Protein backbone atom coordinates (compact mmCIF):
# COMPACT_ATOMS: atom_id res chain seq x y z
CA MET A 1 -52.30 -41.80 67.88
CA MET A 2 -50.31 -41.37 64.46
CA ASN A 3 -48.75 -38.30 65.14
CA GLU A 4 -46.85 -38.00 68.61
CA ALA A 5 -44.10 -35.91 70.06
CA VAL A 6 -41.33 -37.76 70.93
CA ALA A 7 -39.78 -35.95 73.71
CA GLY A 8 -36.37 -37.22 75.07
CA ALA A 9 -35.81 -39.17 71.98
CA LEU A 10 -33.93 -36.98 70.01
CA PRO A 11 -32.61 -33.64 70.70
CA GLY A 12 -34.98 -30.70 70.65
CA TYR A 13 -37.94 -30.72 68.51
CA SER A 14 -39.62 -34.20 67.42
CA VAL A 15 -42.49 -35.50 65.73
CA THR A 16 -42.76 -38.82 64.45
CA ALA A 17 -45.91 -40.25 61.71
CA ARG A 18 -46.84 -43.53 61.62
CA ARG A 19 -49.04 -45.54 59.69
CA ASN A 20 -52.61 -46.34 61.22
CA ASN A 21 -52.53 -50.25 61.69
CA SER A 22 -55.89 -50.95 63.13
CA LEU A 23 -55.08 -54.82 63.28
CA SER A 24 -52.43 -56.38 64.89
CA SER A 25 -50.62 -59.59 63.20
CA SER A 26 -52.43 -61.69 65.44
CA GLY A 27 -55.40 -59.64 64.12
CA ARG A 28 -54.65 -60.23 60.58
CA ASN A 29 -54.18 -63.90 61.13
CA LEU A 30 -57.53 -64.57 63.08
CA VAL A 31 -59.61 -62.41 60.45
CA PHE A 32 -57.95 -64.87 57.59
CA GLY A 33 -57.94 -67.61 59.19
CA PHE A 34 -61.83 -66.93 59.44
CA VAL A 35 -62.19 -66.10 56.02
CA LEU A 36 -60.53 -68.93 54.74
CA PHE A 37 -62.47 -71.00 56.84
CA VAL A 38 -66.07 -69.75 55.71
CA THR A 39 -65.17 -69.76 52.12
CA LEU A 40 -63.89 -73.39 52.42
CA SER A 41 -67.58 -74.08 53.76
CA ILE A 42 -69.21 -72.37 51.51
CA GLY A 43 -67.54 -73.65 48.68
CA LEU A 44 -67.31 -77.31 49.51
CA THR A 45 -71.11 -77.46 51.06
CA PHE A 46 -71.81 -76.27 47.17
CA LEU A 47 -69.78 -78.75 45.79
CA VAL A 48 -71.43 -81.34 47.60
CA VAL A 49 -74.68 -80.31 47.82
CA GLY A 50 -75.21 -79.02 43.77
CA GLY A 51 -71.59 -80.33 42.26
CA ALA A 52 -70.74 -76.76 41.57
CA TRP A 53 -67.15 -76.77 41.90
CA PRO A 54 -66.29 -73.69 39.83
CA ILE A 55 -67.05 -71.83 43.28
CA LEU A 56 -63.91 -73.44 44.84
CA PRO A 57 -61.41 -71.53 42.36
CA PHE A 58 -63.26 -68.48 43.14
CA GLY A 59 -63.15 -68.94 46.59
CA GLY A 60 -59.09 -69.44 46.29
CA LEU A 61 -58.65 -66.60 44.59
CA GLU A 62 -60.14 -64.77 47.01
CA ILE A 63 -57.83 -66.29 49.69
CA VAL A 64 -54.87 -65.70 47.67
CA GLY A 65 -56.05 -62.08 47.22
CA LEU A 66 -56.59 -61.23 50.58
CA PHE A 67 -53.08 -62.76 51.83
CA LEU A 68 -51.54 -61.01 49.44
CA ALA A 69 -52.99 -57.48 50.82
CA PHE A 70 -52.21 -58.97 54.30
CA ARG A 71 -48.59 -59.91 53.30
CA TYR A 72 -48.22 -55.90 52.05
CA ILE A 73 -49.69 -54.79 55.09
CA GLY A 74 -47.64 -56.74 57.70
CA LEU A 75 -44.43 -55.88 55.90
CA HIS A 76 -45.71 -52.20 55.66
CA ALA A 77 -46.64 -51.88 59.38
CA GLY A 78 -43.46 -50.22 60.73
CA ASP A 79 -43.08 -47.86 58.14
CA TYR A 80 -42.72 -44.15 59.85
CA GLU A 81 -41.67 -40.61 58.90
CA ARG A 82 -39.51 -38.60 61.58
CA LEU A 83 -38.80 -35.18 61.49
CA ALA A 84 -36.30 -33.44 64.40
CA ILE A 85 -35.10 -30.23 65.33
CA SER A 86 -31.94 -30.27 66.31
CA GLY A 87 -29.88 -27.11 66.65
CA ASP A 88 -29.62 -25.67 63.41
CA ARG A 89 -30.46 -28.42 61.53
CA LEU A 90 -33.59 -30.15 60.35
CA LEU A 91 -32.98 -34.17 60.28
CA PHE A 92 -35.63 -35.80 58.09
CA GLU A 93 -35.99 -39.96 58.78
CA PHE A 94 -37.95 -42.16 56.53
CA VAL A 95 -38.53 -45.62 57.09
CA GLU A 96 -40.24 -48.44 54.52
CA VAL A 97 -40.04 -51.56 55.04
CA ASP A 98 -36.04 -51.78 56.00
CA HIS A 99 -35.29 -48.87 53.43
CA VAL A 100 -33.90 -46.09 55.89
CA ARG A 101 -33.74 -42.54 53.54
CA ARG A 102 -32.31 -39.47 56.09
CA ILE A 103 -32.17 -36.12 54.92
CA GLU A 104 -31.42 -32.64 56.39
CA LEU A 105 -31.92 -29.20 55.70
CA ASP A 106 -30.62 -25.95 57.03
CA ARG A 107 -33.45 -24.57 60.00
CA TYR A 108 -32.22 -21.36 59.37
CA TRP A 109 -33.41 -21.28 55.91
CA ALA A 110 -36.13 -23.64 56.10
CA ARG A 111 -40.01 -22.54 55.28
CA VAL A 112 -43.12 -24.49 55.92
CA VAL A 113 -44.83 -25.01 52.85
CA CYS A 114 -48.59 -26.46 53.56
CA ALA A 115 -51.81 -26.46 51.19
CA VAL A 116 -55.00 -24.69 52.86
CA ASP A 117 -56.47 -27.33 52.68
CA GLY A 118 -53.95 -30.11 54.61
CA SER A 119 -53.31 -32.09 51.04
CA ARG A 120 -49.65 -31.04 51.15
CA LEU A 121 -46.93 -30.78 54.18
CA ALA A 122 -43.42 -29.91 53.03
CA LEU A 123 -40.12 -28.40 54.33
CA ARG A 124 -38.03 -26.11 51.65
CA SER A 125 -34.19 -24.97 52.32
CA ARG A 126 -31.98 -23.67 50.05
CA GLY A 127 -33.92 -24.87 46.51
CA ARG A 128 -34.60 -28.47 48.52
CA GLU A 129 -38.10 -29.27 49.22
CA VAL A 130 -39.26 -32.46 50.95
CA GLU A 131 -42.51 -33.77 52.08
CA PHE A 132 -43.38 -34.88 55.07
CA GLY A 133 -46.77 -36.46 56.68
CA ARG A 134 -47.61 -39.12 54.34
CA PHE A 135 -49.24 -41.09 57.47
CA LEU A 136 -51.12 -37.91 58.92
CA THR A 137 -54.55 -36.71 58.60
CA ALA A 138 -55.16 -33.30 56.22
CA GLU A 139 -55.96 -31.85 59.99
CA GLU A 140 -52.71 -33.68 61.56
CA ARG A 141 -50.49 -31.81 58.51
CA ILE A 142 -52.15 -28.68 59.70
CA ASP A 143 -51.37 -28.62 62.94
CA VAL A 144 -48.08 -30.18 62.44
CA ALA A 145 -47.10 -27.32 60.20
CA SER A 146 -48.36 -24.79 62.67
CA ALA A 147 -45.90 -26.26 65.50
CA LEU A 148 -43.06 -26.61 63.02
CA ARG A 149 -43.49 -22.66 61.98
CA ARG A 150 -43.58 -21.63 65.72
CA GLU A 151 -40.45 -23.54 66.38
CA LEU A 152 -38.50 -22.50 63.16
CA ARG A 153 -39.83 -18.87 64.46
CA GLY A 154 -38.13 -19.60 67.92
CA ALA A 155 -34.49 -20.11 66.11
CA TYR A 156 -34.25 -17.07 65.37
């Protein structure tokens, strides 16, 4: 599940949004190996049977493109966003590859900004605005926005 409430990991309320990684690292390796095998088999068959050598370079380009795409997916597999409410602070943590960015906002001045269609979710406090939920679906953003409004109202 992409949206999970993390109870006990951080004090107070916490939401972590992660990428939907439908293939594990070993799954990506199996798919890559299978596509490599099929591509080479087809290319070598056409080379031997009909002398159609141009198929091999195009198959190579396909394999390089797939390798680069899987490499990008593998690098970003651990990316996540976390929002925690602790005391009078809103704590954001954004992790992309190995880069960590942390932002704090004042809880009492915070307002939830959510598009009606769920295309955008942000929190605004004292002139600063921080977007959250890039890994969430529109429906999940709306649900998180409702939960955040309840949590922020409970601060007063």
